Amino acid sequence: LAHFTVPCESSHLIESKSLKLYLNSFNNT
């Protein structure tokens, strides 16, 4: 499991489906 803490002061939020795709890219690495 992973817990992420994104500061609200950051200039951008991260779109959730893109994060899912990114995390899936670890699968065979």
mmCIF file of all heavy atoms, coordinates in Angstrom:
data_MODEL
# 
_entry.id   MODEL 
# 
loop_
_atom_site.group_PDB 
_atom_site.id 
_atom_site.type_symbol 
_atom_site.label_atom_id 
_atom_site.label_alt_id 
_atom_site.label_comp_id 
_atom_site.label_asym_id 
_atom_site.label_entity_id 
_atom_site.label_seq_id 
_atom_site.pdbx_PDB_ins_code 
_atom_site.Cartn_x 
_atom_site.Cartn_y 
_atom_site.Cartn_z 
_atom_site.occupancy 
_atom_site.B_iso_or_equiv 
_atom_site.pdbx_formal_charge 
_atom_site.auth_seq_id 
_atom_site.auth_comp_id 
_atom_site.auth_asym_id 
_atom_site.auth_atom_id 
_atom_site.pdbx_PDB_model_num 
ATOM 1   N N   . LEU A 1 1  ? 0.858  -1.174 0.000   1.00 0.00 ? 1  LEU A N   1 
ATOM 2   C CA  . LEU A 1 1  ? 0.000  0.000  0.000   1.00 0.00 ? 1  LEU A CA  1 
ATOM 3   C C   . LEU A 1 1  ? 0.897  1.227  0.000   1.00 0.00 ? 1  LEU A C   1 
ATOM 4   O O   . LEU A 1 1  ? 2.031  1.183  0.498   1.00 0.00 ? 1  LEU A O   1 
ATOM 5   C CB  . LEU A 1 1  ? -0.882 0.027  1.248   1.00 0.00 ? 1  LEU A CB  1 
ATOM 6   C CG  . LEU A 1 1  ? -1.901 -1.089 1.444   1.00 0.00 ? 1  LEU A CG  1 
ATOM 7   C CD1 . LEU A 1 1  ? -2.598 -0.913 2.791   1.00 0.00 ? 1  LEU A CD1 1 
ATOM 8   C CD2 . LEU A 1 1  ? -2.909 -1.101 0.325   1.00 0.00 ? 1  LEU A CD2 1 
ATOM 9   N N   . ALA A 1 2  ? 0.389  2.314  -0.538  1.00 0.00 ? 2  ALA A N   1 
ATOM 10  C CA  . ALA A 1 2  ? 1.168  3.555  -0.528  1.00 0.00 ? 2  ALA A CA  1 
ATOM 11  C C   . ALA A 1 2  ? 0.296  4.698  -0.031  1.00 0.00 ? 2  ALA A C   1 
ATOM 12  O O   . ALA A 1 2  ? -0.871 4.819  -0.420  1.00 0.00 ? 2  ALA A O   1 
ATOM 13  C CB  . ALA A 1 2  ? 1.692  3.873  -1.923  1.00 0.00 ? 2  ALA A CB  1 
ATOM 14  N N   . HIS A 1 3  ? 0.856  5.509  0.846   1.00 0.00 ? 3  HIS A N   1 
ATOM 15  C CA  . HIS A 1 3  ? 0.223  6.731  1.321   1.00 0.00 ? 3  HIS A CA  1 
ATOM 16  C C   . HIS A 1 3  ? 1.003  7.910  0.748   1.00 0.00 ? 3  HIS A C   1 
ATOM 17  O O   . HIS A 1 3  ? 2.230  7.988  0.908   1.00 0.00 ? 3  HIS A O   1 
ATOM 18  C CB  . HIS A 1 3  ? 0.231  6.795  2.845   1.00 0.00 ? 3  HIS A CB  1 
ATOM 19  C CG  . HIS A 1 3  ? -0.609 5.747  3.505   1.00 0.00 ? 3  HIS A CG  1 
ATOM 20  N ND1 . HIS A 1 3  ? -1.981 5.754  3.432   1.00 0.00 ? 3  HIS A ND1 1 
ATOM 21  C CD2 . HIS A 1 3  ? -0.272 4.671  4.255   1.00 0.00 ? 3  HIS A CD2 1 
ATOM 22  C CE1 . HIS A 1 3  ? -2.458 4.720  4.106   1.00 0.00 ? 3  HIS A CE1 1 
ATOM 23  N NE2 . HIS A 1 3  ? -1.447 4.040  4.604   1.00 0.00 ? 3  HIS A NE2 1 
ATOM 24  N N   . PHE A 1 4  ? 0.298  8.825  0.081   1.00 0.00 ? 4  PHE A N   1 
ATOM 25  C CA  . PHE A 1 4  ? 0.908  10.015 -0.497  1.00 0.00 ? 4  PHE A CA  1 
ATOM 26  C C   . PHE A 1 4  ? 0.336  11.251 0.195   1.00 0.00 ? 4  PHE A C   1 
ATOM 27  O O   . PHE A 1 4  ? -0.870 11.330 0.447   1.00 0.00 ? 4  PHE A O   1 
ATOM 28  C CB  . PHE A 1 4  ? 0.619  10.114 -2.000  1.00 0.00 ? 4  PHE A CB  1 
ATOM 29  C CG  . PHE A 1 4  ? 1.007  8.902  -2.789  1.00 0.00 ? 4  PHE A CG  1 
ATOM 30  C CD1 . PHE A 1 4  ? 0.137  8.359  -3.730  1.00 0.00 ? 4  PHE A CD1 1 
ATOM 31  C CD2 . PHE A 1 4  ? 2.238  8.291  -2.599  1.00 0.00 ? 4  PHE A CD2 1 
ATOM 32  C CE1 . PHE A 1 4  ? 0.483  7.239  -4.469  1.00 0.00 ? 4  PHE A CE1 1 
ATOM 33  C CE2 . PHE A 1 4  ? 2.602  7.172  -3.339  1.00 0.00 ? 4  PHE A CE2 1 
ATOM 34  C CZ  . PHE A 1 4  ? 1.715  6.645  -4.271  1.00 0.00 ? 4  PHE A CZ  1 
ATOM 35  N N   . THR A 1 5  ? 1.190  12.224 0.467   1.00 0.00 ? 5  THR A N   1 
ATOM 36  C CA  . THR A 1 5  ? 0.777  13.492 1.059   1.00 0.00 ? 5  THR A CA  1 
ATOM 37  C C   . THR A 1 5  ? 1.199  14.610 0.116   1.00 0.00 ? 5  THR A C   1 
ATOM 38  O O   . THR A 1 5  ? 2.382  14.915 -0.017  1.00 0.00 ? 5  THR A O   1 
ATOM 39  C CB  . THR A 1 5  ? 1.421  13.693 2.441   1.00 0.00 ? 5  THR A CB  1 
ATOM 40  O OG1 . THR A 1 5  ? 1.092  12.589 3.285   1.00 0.00 ? 5  THR A OG1 1 
ATOM 41  C CG2 . THR A 1 5  ? 0.926  14.980 3.085   1.00 0.00 ? 5  THR A CG2 1 
ATOM 42  N N   . VAL A 1 6  ? 0.212  15.212 -0.564  1.00 0.00 ? 6  VAL A N   1 
ATOM 43  C CA  . VAL A 1 6  ? 0.475  16.268 -1.553  1.00 0.00 ? 6  VAL A CA  1 
ATOM 44  C C   . VAL A 1 6  ? 0.169  17.617 -0.908  1.00 0.00 ? 6  VAL A C   1 
ATOM 45  O O   . VAL A 1 6  ? -0.990 17.891 -0.563  1.00 0.00 ? 6  VAL A O   1 
ATOM 46  C CB  . VAL A 1 6  ? -0.384 16.077 -2.812  1.00 0.00 ? 6  VAL A CB  1 
ATOM 47  C CG1 . VAL A 1 6  ? -0.049 17.151 -3.848  1.00 0.00 ? 6  VAL A CG1 1 
ATOM 48  C CG2 . VAL A 1 6  ? -0.191 14.681 -3.392  1.00 0.00 ? 6  VAL A CG2 1 
ATOM 49  N N   . PRO A 1 7  ? 1.171  18.473 -0.707  1.00 0.00 ? 7  PRO A N   1 
ATOM 50  C CA  . PRO A 1 7  ? 0.913  19.765 -0.051  1.00 0.00 ? 7  PRO A CA  1 
ATOM 51  C C   . PRO A 1 7  ? -0.103 20.592 -0.830  1.00 0.00 ? 7  PRO A C   1 
ATOM 52  O O   . PRO A 1 7  ? -0.056 20.660 -2.060  1.00 0.00 ? 7  PRO A O   1 
ATOM 53  C CB  . PRO A 1 7  ? 2.295  20.442 -0.056  1.00 0.00 ? 7  PRO A CB  1 
ATOM 54  C CG  . PRO A 1 7  ? 3.277  19.343 -0.263  1.00 0.00 ? 7  PRO A CG  1 
ATOM 55  C CD  . PRO A 1 7  ? 2.579  18.314 -1.094  1.00 0.00 ? 7  PRO A CD  1 
ATOM 56  N N   . CYS A 1 8  ? -1.029 21.223 -0.120  1.00 0.00 ? 8  CYS A N   1 
ATOM 57  C CA  . CYS A 1 8  ? -2.041 22.021 -0.817  1.00 0.00 ? 8  CYS A CA  1 
ATOM 58  C C   . CYS A 1 8  ? -1.430 23.273 -1.439  1.00 0.00 ? 8  CYS A C   1 
ATOM 59  O O   . CYS A 1 8  ? -2.055 23.906 -2.292  1.00 0.00 ? 8  CYS A O   1 
ATOM 60  C CB  . CYS A 1 8  ? -3.187 22.382 0.123   1.00 0.00 ? 8  CYS A CB  1 
ATOM 61  S SG  . CYS A 1 8  ? -2.801 23.633 1.366   1.00 0.00 ? 8  CYS A SG  1 
ATOM 62  N N   . GLU A 1 9  ? -0.222 23.636 -1.016  1.00 0.00 ? 9  GLU A N   1 
ATOM 63  C CA  . GLU A 1 9  ? 0.453  24.796 -1.609  1.00 0.00 ? 9  GLU A CA  1 
ATOM 64  C C   . GLU A 1 9  ? 1.019  24.487 -2.997  1.00 0.00 ? 9  GLU A C   1 
ATOM 65  O O   . GLU A 1 9  ? 1.451  25.399 -3.706  1.00 0.00 ? 9  GLU A O   1 
ATOM 66  C CB  . GLU A 1 9  ? 1.592  25.267 -0.707  1.00 0.00 ? 9  GLU A CB  1 
ATOM 67  C CG  . GLU A 1 9  ? 1.156  25.743 0.667   1.00 0.00 ? 9  GLU A CG  1 
ATOM 68  C CD  . GLU A 1 9  ? 0.970  24.610 1.651   1.00 0.00 ? 9  GLU A CD  1 
ATOM 69  O OE1 . GLU A 1 9  ? 1.376  23.458 1.331   1.00 0.00 ? 9  GLU A OE1 1 
ATOM 70  O OE2 . GLU A 1 9  ? 0.409  24.844 2.738   1.00 0.00 ? 9  GLU A OE2 1 
ATOM 71  N N   . SER A 1 10 ? 1.051  23.214 -3.377  1.00 0.00 ? 10 SER A N   1 
ATOM 72  C CA  . SER A 1 10 ? 1.611  22.864 -4.676  1.00 0.00 ? 10 SER A CA  1 
ATOM 73  C C   . SER A 1 10 ? 0.812  23.517 -5.790  1.00 0.00 ? 10 SER A C   1 
ATOM 74  O O   . SER A 1 10 ? -0.395 23.755 -5.659  1.00 0.00 ? 10 SER A O   1 
ATOM 75  C CB  . SER A 1 10 ? 1.646  21.346 -4.863  1.00 0.00 ? 10 SER A CB  1 
ATOM 76  O OG  . SER A 1 10 ? 0.347  20.809 -4.887  1.00 0.00 ? 10 SER A OG  1 
ATOM 77  N N   . SER A 1 11 ? 1.480  23.783 -6.895  1.00 0.00 ? 11 SER A N   1 
ATOM 78  C CA  . SER A 1 11 ? 0.832  24.502 -7.991  1.00 0.00 ? 11 SER A CA  1 
ATOM 79  C C   . SER A 1 11 ? -0.163 23.638 -8.747  1.00 0.00 ? 11 SER A C   1 
ATOM 80  O O   . SER A 1 11 ? -1.065 24.162 -9.408  1.00 0.00 ? 11 SER A O   1 
ATOM 81  C CB  . SER A 1 11 ? 1.896  25.025 -8.964  1.00 0.00 ? 11 SER A CB  1 
ATOM 82  O OG  . SER A 1 11 ? 2.667  23.949 -9.491  1.00 0.00 ? 11 SER A OG  1 
ATOM 83  N N   . HIS A 1 12 ? -0.031 22.310 -8.654  1.00 0.00 ? 12 HIS A N   1 
ATOM 84  C CA  . HIS A 1 12 ? -0.874 21.410 -9.414  1.00 0.00 ? 12 HIS A CA  1 
ATOM 85  C C   . HIS A 1 12 ? -1.406 20.281 -8.525  1.00 0.00 ? 12 HIS A C   1 
ATOM 86  O O   . HIS A 1 12 ? -0.741 19.848 -7.589  1.00 0.00 ? 12 HIS A O   1 
ATOM 87  C CB  . HIS A 1 12 ? -0.095 20.777 -10.569 1.00 0.00 ? 12 HIS A CB  1 
ATOM 88  C CG  . HIS A 1 12 ? 0.258  21.732 -11.668 1.00 0.00 ? 12 HIS A CG  1 
ATOM 89  N ND1 . HIS A 1 12 ? 1.139  22.791 -11.505 1.00 0.00 ? 12 HIS A ND1 1 
ATOM 90  C CD2 . HIS A 1 12 ? -0.156 21.797 -12.970 1.00 0.00 ? 12 HIS A CD2 1 
ATOM 91  C CE1 . HIS A 1 12 ? 1.251  23.450 -12.652 1.00 0.00 ? 12 HIS A CE1 1 
ATOM 92  N NE2 . HIS A 1 12 ? 0.477  22.871 -13.544 1.00 0.00 ? 12 HIS A NE2 1 
ATOM 93  N N   . LEU A 1 13 ? -2.610 19.818 -8.862  1.00 0.00 ? 13 LEU A N   1 
ATOM 94  C CA  . LEU A 1 13 ? -3.071 18.537 -8.353  1.00 0.00 ? 13 LEU A CA  1 
ATOM 95  C C   . LEU A 1 13 ? -2.765 17.499 -9.432  1.00 0.00 ? 13 LEU A C   1 
ATOM 96  O O   . LEU A 1 13 ? -2.441 17.835 -10.571 1.00 0.00 ? 13 LEU A O   1 
ATOM 97  C CB  . LEU A 1 13 ? -4.556 18.575 -7.988  1.00 0.00 ? 13 LEU A CB  1 
ATOM 98  C CG  . LEU A 1 13 ? -5.584 18.976 -9.051  1.00 0.00 ? 13 LEU A CG  1 
ATOM 99  C CD1 . LEU A 1 13 ? -5.997 17.784 -9.915  1.00 0.00 ? 13 LEU A CD1 1 
ATOM 100 C CD2 . LEU A 1 13 ? -6.815 19.585 -8.398  1.00 0.00 ? 13 LEU A CD2 1 
ATOM 101 N N   . ILE A 1 14 ? -2.850 16.234 -9.085  1.00 0.00 ? 14 ILE A N   1 
ATOM 102 C CA  . ILE A 1 14 ? -2.525 15.168 -10.020 1.00 0.00 ? 14 ILE A CA  1 
ATOM 103 C C   . ILE A 1 14 ? -3.806 14.421 -10.366 1.00 0.00 ? 14 ILE A C   1 
ATOM 104 O O   . ILE A 1 14 ? -4.508 13.937 -9.477  1.00 0.00 ? 14 ILE A O   1 
ATOM 105 C CB  . ILE A 1 14 ? -1.473 14.210 -9.421  1.00 0.00 ? 14 ILE A CB  1 
ATOM 106 C CG1 . ILE A 1 14 ? -0.187 14.979 -9.103  1.00 0.00 ? 14 ILE A CG1 1 
ATOM 107 C CG2 . ILE A 1 14 ? -1.177 13.066 -10.393 1.00 0.00 ? 14 ILE A CG2 1 
ATOM 108 C CD1 . ILE A 1 14 ? 0.824  14.199 -8.294  1.00 0.00 ? 14 ILE A CD1 1 
ATOM 109 N N   . GLU A 1 15 ? -4.123 14.371 -11.631 1.00 0.00 ? 15 GLU A N   1 
ATOM 110 C CA  . GLU A 1 15 ? -5.360 13.719 -12.072 1.00 0.00 ? 15 GLU A CA  1 
ATOM 111 C C   . GLU A 1 15 ? -5.288 12.235 -11.725 1.00 0.00 ? 15 GLU A C   1 
ATOM 112 O O   . GLU A 1 15 ? -4.284 11.570 -11.959 1.00 0.00 ? 15 GLU A O   1 
ATOM 113 C CB  . GLU A 1 15 ? -5.532 13.954 -13.577 1.00 0.00 ? 15 GLU A CB  1 
ATOM 114 C CG  . GLU A 1 15 ? -6.858 13.521 -14.128 1.00 0.00 ? 15 GLU A CG  1 
ATOM 115 C CD  . GLU A 1 15 ? -6.869 12.040 -14.429 1.00 0.00 ? 15 GLU A CD  1 
ATOM 116 O OE1 . GLU A 1 15 ? -5.977 11.573 -15.160 1.00 0.00 ? 15 GLU A OE1 1 
ATOM 117 O OE2 . GLU A 1 15 ? -7.764 11.357 -13.888 1.00 0.00 ? 15 GLU A OE2 1 
ATOM 118 N N   . SER A 1 16 ? -6.382 11.702 -11.166 1.00 0.00 ? 16 SER A N   1 
ATOM 119 C CA  . SER A 1 16 ? -6.328 10.389 -10.527 1.00 0.00 ? 16 SER A CA  1 
ATOM 120 C C   . SER A 1 16 ? -6.130 9.231  -11.514 1.00 0.00 ? 16 SER A C   1 
ATOM 121 O O   . SER A 1 16 ? -5.423 8.279  -11.201 1.00 0.00 ? 16 SER A O   1 
ATOM 122 C CB  . SER A 1 16 ? -7.592 10.154 -9.695  1.00 0.00 ? 16 SER A CB  1 
ATOM 123 O OG  . SER A 1 16 ? -8.744 10.207 -10.509 1.00 0.00 ? 16 SER A OG  1 
ATOM 124 N N   . LYS A 1 17 ? -6.764 9.291  -12.685 1.00 0.00 ? 17 LYS A N   1 
ATOM 125 C CA  . LYS A 1 17 ? -6.558 8.180  -13.619 1.00 0.00 ? 17 LYS A CA  1 
ATOM 126 C C   . LYS A 1 17 ? -5.119 8.139  -14.103 1.00 0.00 ? 17 LYS A C   1 
ATOM 127 O O   . LYS A 1 17 ? -4.545 7.057  -14.281 1.00 0.00 ? 17 LYS A O   1 
ATOM 128 C CB  . LYS A 1 17 ? -7.514 8.264  -14.811 1.00 0.00 ? 17 LYS A CB  1 
ATOM 129 C CG  . LYS A 1 17 ? -7.392 7.042  -15.723 1.00 0.00 ? 17 LYS A CG  1 
ATOM 130 C CD  . LYS A 1 17 ? -8.439 7.006  -16.810 1.00 0.00 ? 17 LYS A CD  1 
ATOM 131 C CE  . LYS A 1 17 ? -8.279 5.752  -17.669 1.00 0.00 ? 17 LYS A CE  1 
ATOM 132 N NZ  . LYS A 1 17 ? -9.305 5.685  -18.742 1.00 0.00 ? 17 LYS A NZ  1 
ATOM 133 N N   . SER A 1 18 ? -4.518 9.308  -14.287 1.00 0.00 ? 18 SER A N   1 
ATOM 134 C CA  . SER A 1 18 ? -3.116 9.317  -14.705 1.00 0.00 ? 18 SER A CA  1 
ATOM 135 C C   . SER A 1 18 ? -2.226 8.718  -13.623 1.00 0.00 ? 18 SER A C   1 
ATOM 136 O O   . SER A 1 18 ? -1.239 8.036  -13.920 1.00 0.00 ? 18 SER A O   1 
ATOM 137 C CB  . SER A 1 18 ? -2.669 10.745 -15.042 1.00 0.00 ? 18 SER A CB  1 
ATOM 138 O OG  . SER A 1 18 ? -2.372 11.515 -13.889 1.00 0.00 ? 18 SER A OG  1 
ATOM 139 N N   . LEU A 1 19 ? -2.588 8.945  -12.365 1.00 0.00 ? 19 LEU A N   1 
ATOM 140 C CA  . LEU A 1 19 ? -1.818 8.338  -11.273 1.00 0.00 ? 19 LEU A CA  1 
ATOM 141 C C   . LEU A 1 19 ? -1.983 6.821  -11.288 1.00 0.00 ? 19 LEU A C   1 
ATOM 142 O O   . LEU A 1 19 ? -1.019 6.078  -11.065 1.00 0.00 ? 19 LEU A O   1 
ATOM 143 C CB  . LEU A 1 19 ? -2.238 8.922  -9.934  1.00 0.00 ? 19 LEU A CB  1 
ATOM 144 C CG  . LEU A 1 19 ? -1.513 8.391  -8.697  1.00 0.00 ? 19 LEU A CG  1 
ATOM 145 C CD1 . LEU A 1 19 ? -0.004 8.492  -8.833  1.00 0.00 ? 19 LEU A CD1 1 
ATOM 146 C CD2 . LEU A 1 19 ? -1.976 9.125  -7.443  1.00 0.00 ? 19 LEU A CD2 1 
ATOM 147 N N   . LYS A 1 20 ? -3.207 6.342  -11.564 1.00 0.00 ? 20 LYS A N   1 
ATOM 148 C CA  . LYS A 1 20 ? -3.409 4.905  -11.659 1.00 0.00 ? 20 LYS A CA  1 
ATOM 149 C C   . LYS A 1 20 ? -2.570 4.312  -12.787 1.00 0.00 ? 20 LYS A C   1 
ATOM 150 O O   . LYS A 1 20 ? -1.916 3.266  -12.614 1.00 0.00 ? 20 LYS A O   1 
ATOM 151 C CB  . LYS A 1 20 ? -4.888 4.588  -11.887 1.00 0.00 ? 20 LYS A CB  1 
ATOM 152 C CG  . LYS A 1 20 ? -5.152 3.102  -12.055 1.00 0.00 ? 20 LYS A CG  1 
ATOM 153 C CD  . LYS A 1 20 ? -6.614 2.775  -12.257 1.00 0.00 ? 20 LYS A CD  1 
ATOM 154 C CE  . LYS A 1 20 ? -6.787 1.267  -12.408 1.00 0.00 ? 20 LYS A CE  1 
ATOM 155 N NZ  . LYS A 1 20 ? -8.203 0.865  -12.491 1.00 0.00 ? 20 LYS A NZ  1 
ATOM 156 N N   . LEU A 1 21 ? -2.583 4.949  -13.953 1.00 0.00 ? 21 LEU A N   1 
ATOM 157 C CA  . LEU A 1 21 ? -1.786 4.459  -15.074 1.00 0.00 ? 21 LEU A CA  1 
ATOM 158 C C   . LEU A 1 21 ? -0.295 4.456  -14.732 1.00 0.00 ? 21 LEU A C   1 
ATOM 159 O O   . LEU A 1 21 ? 0.438  3.517  -15.062 1.00 0.00 ? 21 LEU A O   1 
ATOM 160 C CB  . LEU A 1 21 ? -2.037 5.311  -16.317 1.00 0.00 ? 21 LEU A CB  1 
ATOM 161 C CG  . LEU A 1 21 ? -3.446 5.233  -16.914 1.00 0.00 ? 21 LEU A CG  1 
ATOM 162 C CD1 . LEU A 1 21 ? -3.614 6.274  -18.020 1.00 0.00 ? 21 LEU A CD1 1 
ATOM 163 C CD2 . LEU A 1 21 ? -3.739 3.837  -17.444 1.00 0.00 ? 21 LEU A CD2 1 
ATOM 164 N N   . TYR A 1 22 ? 0.133  5.515  -14.066 1.00 0.00 ? 22 TYR A N   1 
ATOM 165 C CA  . TYR A 1 22 ? 1.538  5.611  -13.646 1.00 0.00 ? 22 TYR A CA  1 
ATOM 166 C C   . TYR A 1 22 ? 1.893  4.479  -12.685 1.00 0.00 ? 22 TYR A C   1 
ATOM 167 O O   . TYR A 1 22 ? 2.930  3.817  -12.844 1.00 0.00 ? 22 TYR A O   1 
ATOM 168 C CB  . TYR A 1 22 ? 1.765  6.980  -13.001 1.00 0.00 ? 22 TYR A CB  1 
ATOM 169 C CG  . TYR A 1 22 ? 3.016  7.105  -12.178 1.00 0.00 ? 22 TYR A CG  1 
ATOM 170 C CD1 . TYR A 1 22 ? 4.275  7.169  -12.772 1.00 0.00 ? 22 TYR A CD1 1 
ATOM 171 C CD2 . TYR A 1 22 ? 2.949  7.177  -10.781 1.00 0.00 ? 22 TYR A CD2 1 
ATOM 172 C CE1 . TYR A 1 22 ? 5.424  7.300  -11.998 1.00 0.00 ? 22 TYR A CE1 1 
ATOM 173 C CE2 . TYR A 1 22 ? 4.081  7.304  -10.008 1.00 0.00 ? 22 TYR A CE2 1 
ATOM 174 C CZ  . TYR A 1 22 ? 5.323  7.367  -10.619 1.00 0.00 ? 22 TYR A CZ  1 
ATOM 175 O OH  . TYR A 1 22 ? 6.454  7.488  -9.856  1.00 0.00 ? 22 TYR A OH  1 
ATOM 176 N N   . LEU A 1 23 ? 1.041  4.235  -11.692 1.00 0.00 ? 23 LEU A N   1 
ATOM 177 C CA  . LEU A 1 23 ? 1.331  3.166  -10.735 1.00 0.00 ? 23 LEU A CA  1 
ATOM 178 C C   . LEU A 1 23 ? 1.343  1.802  -11.428 1.00 0.00 ? 23 LEU A C   1 
ATOM 179 O O   . LEU A 1 23 ? 2.153  0.934  -11.096 1.00 0.00 ? 23 LEU A O   1 
ATOM 180 C CB  . LEU A 1 23 ? 0.319  3.183  -9.602  1.00 0.00 ? 23 LEU A CB  1 
ATOM 181 C CG  . LEU A 1 23 ? 0.365  4.406  -8.676  1.00 0.00 ? 23 LEU A CG  1 
ATOM 182 C CD1 . LEU A 1 23 ? -0.758 4.332  -7.643  1.00 0.00 ? 23 LEU A CD1 1 
ATOM 183 C CD2 . LEU A 1 23 ? 1.718  4.536  -7.981  1.00 0.00 ? 23 LEU A CD2 1 
ATOM 184 N N   . ASN A 1 24 ? 0.450  1.609  -12.407 1.00 0.00 ? 24 ASN A N   1 
ATOM 185 C CA  . ASN A 1 24 ? 0.463  0.353  -13.152 1.00 0.00 ? 24 ASN A CA  1 
ATOM 186 C C   . ASN A 1 24 ? 1.745  0.161  -13.948 1.00 0.00 ? 24 ASN A C   1 
ATOM 187 O O   . ASN A 1 24 ? 2.134  -0.964 -14.241 1.00 0.00 ? 24 ASN A O   1 
ATOM 188 C CB  . ASN A 1 24 ? -0.743 0.277  -14.083 1.00 0.00 ? 24 ASN A CB  1 
ATOM 189 C CG  . ASN A 1 24 ? -1.949 -0.362 -13.435 1.00 0.00 ? 24 ASN A CG  1 
ATOM 190 O OD1 . ASN A 1 24 ? -2.095 -1.575 -13.429 1.00 0.00 ? 24 ASN A OD1 1 
ATOM 191 N ND2 . ASN A 1 24 ? -2.803 0.461  -12.866 1.00 0.00 ? 24 ASN A ND2 1 
ATOM 192 N N   . SER A 1 25 ? 2.408  1.266  -14.290 1.00 0.00 ? 25 SER A N   1 
ATOM 193 C CA  . SER A 1 25 ? 3.641  1.149  -15.069 1.00 0.00 ? 25 SER A CA  1 
ATOM 194 C C   . SER A 1 25 ? 4.787  0.536  -14.266 1.00 0.00 ? 25 SER A C   1 
ATOM 195 O O   . SER A 1 25 ? 5.815  0.174  -14.827 1.00 0.00 ? 25 SER A O   1 
ATOM 196 C CB  . SER A 1 25 ? 4.050  2.529  -15.621 1.00 0.00 ? 25 SER A CB  1 
ATOM 197 O OG  . SER A 1 25 ? 4.693  3.336  -14.650 1.00 0.00 ? 25 SER A OG  1 
ATOM 198 N N   . PHE A 1 26 ? 4.591  0.394  -12.948 1.00 0.00 ? 26 PHE A N   1 
ATOM 199 C CA  . PHE A 1 26 ? 5.597  -0.263 -12.117 1.00 0.00 ? 26 PHE A CA  1 
ATOM 200 C C   . PHE A 1 26 ? 5.501  -1.791 -12.202 1.00 0.00 ? 26 PHE A C   1 
ATOM 201 O O   . PHE A 1 26 ? 6.407  -2.500 -11.782 1.00 0.00 ? 26 PHE A O   1 
ATOM 202 C CB  . PHE A 1 26 ? 5.428  0.155  -10.649 1.00 0.00 ? 26 PHE A CB  1 
ATOM 203 C CG  . PHE A 1 26 ? 5.938  1.526  -10.325 1.00 0.00 ? 26 PHE A CG  1 
ATOM 204 C CD1 . PHE A 1 26 ? 5.350  2.661  -10.868 1.00 0.00 ? 26 PHE A CD1 1 
ATOM 205 C CD2 . PHE A 1 26 ? 7.012  1.703  -9.464  1.00 0.00 ? 26 PHE A CD2 1 
ATOM 206 C CE1 . PHE A 1 26 ? 5.813  3.927  -10.559 1.00 0.00 ? 26 PHE A CE1 1 
ATOM 207 C CE2 . PHE A 1 26 ? 7.482  2.962  -9.148  1.00 0.00 ? 26 PHE A CE2 1 
ATOM 208 C CZ  . PHE A 1 26 ? 6.884  4.076  -9.697  1.00 0.00 ? 26 PHE A CZ  1 
ATOM 209 N N   . ASN A 1 27 ? 4.387  -2.310 -12.724 1.00 0.00 ? 27 ASN A N   1 
ATOM 210 C CA  . ASN A 1 27 ? 4.049  -3.716 -12.552 1.00 0.00 ? 27 ASN A CA  1 
ATOM 211 C C   . ASN A 1 27 ? 5.114  -4.693 -13.029 1.00 0.00 ? 27 ASN A C   1 
ATOM 212 O O   . ASN A 1 27 ? 5.368  -5.712 -12.383 1.00 0.00 ? 27 ASN A O   1 
ATOM 213 C CB  . ASN A 1 27 ? 2.732  -4.037 -13.262 1.00 0.00 ? 27 ASN A CB  1 
ATOM 214 C CG  . ASN A 1 27 ? 1.534  -3.453 -12.543 1.00 0.00 ? 27 ASN A CG  1 
ATOM 215 O OD1 . ASN A 1 27 ? 1.644  -2.946 -11.437 1.00 0.00 ? 27 ASN A OD1 1 
ATOM 216 N ND2 . ASN A 1 27 ? 0.376  -3.510 -13.187 1.00 0.00 ? 27 ASN A ND2 1 
ATOM 217 N N   . ASN A 1 28 ? 5.716  -4.431 -14.189 1.00 0.00 ? 28 ASN A N   1 
ATOM 218 C CA  . ASN A 1 28 ? 6.721  -5.346 -14.741 1.00 0.00 ? 28 ASN A CA  1 
ATOM 219 C C   . ASN A 1 28 ? 8.099  -4.704 -14.790 1.00 0.00 ? 28 ASN A C   1 
ATOM 220 O O   . ASN A 1 28 ? 8.923  -5.053 -15.635 1.00 0.00 ? 28 ASN A O   1 
ATOM 221 C CB  . ASN A 1 28 ? 6.317  -5.827 -16.136 1.00 0.00 ? 28 ASN A CB  1 
ATOM 222 C CG  . ASN A 1 28 ? 5.226  -6.873 -16.075 1.00 0.00 ? 28 ASN A CG  1 
ATOM 223 O OD1 . ASN A 1 28 ? 5.122  -7.613 -15.093 1.00 0.00 ? 28 ASN A OD1 1 
ATOM 224 N ND2 . ASN A 1 28 ? 4.403  -6.955 -17.113 1.00 0.00 ? 28 ASN A ND2 1 
ATOM 225 N N   . THR A 1 29 ? 8.324  -3.759 -13.877 1.00 0.00 ? 29 THR A N   1 
ATOM 226 C CA  . THR A 1 29 ? 9.607  -3.081 -13.790 1.00 0.00 ? 29 THR A CA  1 
ATOM 227 C C   . THR A 1 29 ? 10.352 -3.578 -12.567 1.00 0.00 ? 29 THR A C   1 
ATOM 228 O O   . THR A 1 29 ? 9.770  -3.701 -11.488 1.00 0.00 ? 29 THR A O   1 
ATOM 229 C CB  . THR A 1 29 ? 9.418  -1.554 -13.697 1.00 0.00 ? 29 THR A CB  1 
ATOM 230 O OG1 . THR A 1 29 ? 8.652  -1.112 -14.821 1.00 0.00 ? 29 THR A OG1 1 
ATOM 231 C CG2 . THR A 1 29 ? 10.749 -0.842 -13.682 1.00 0.00 ? 29 THR A CG2 1 
# 
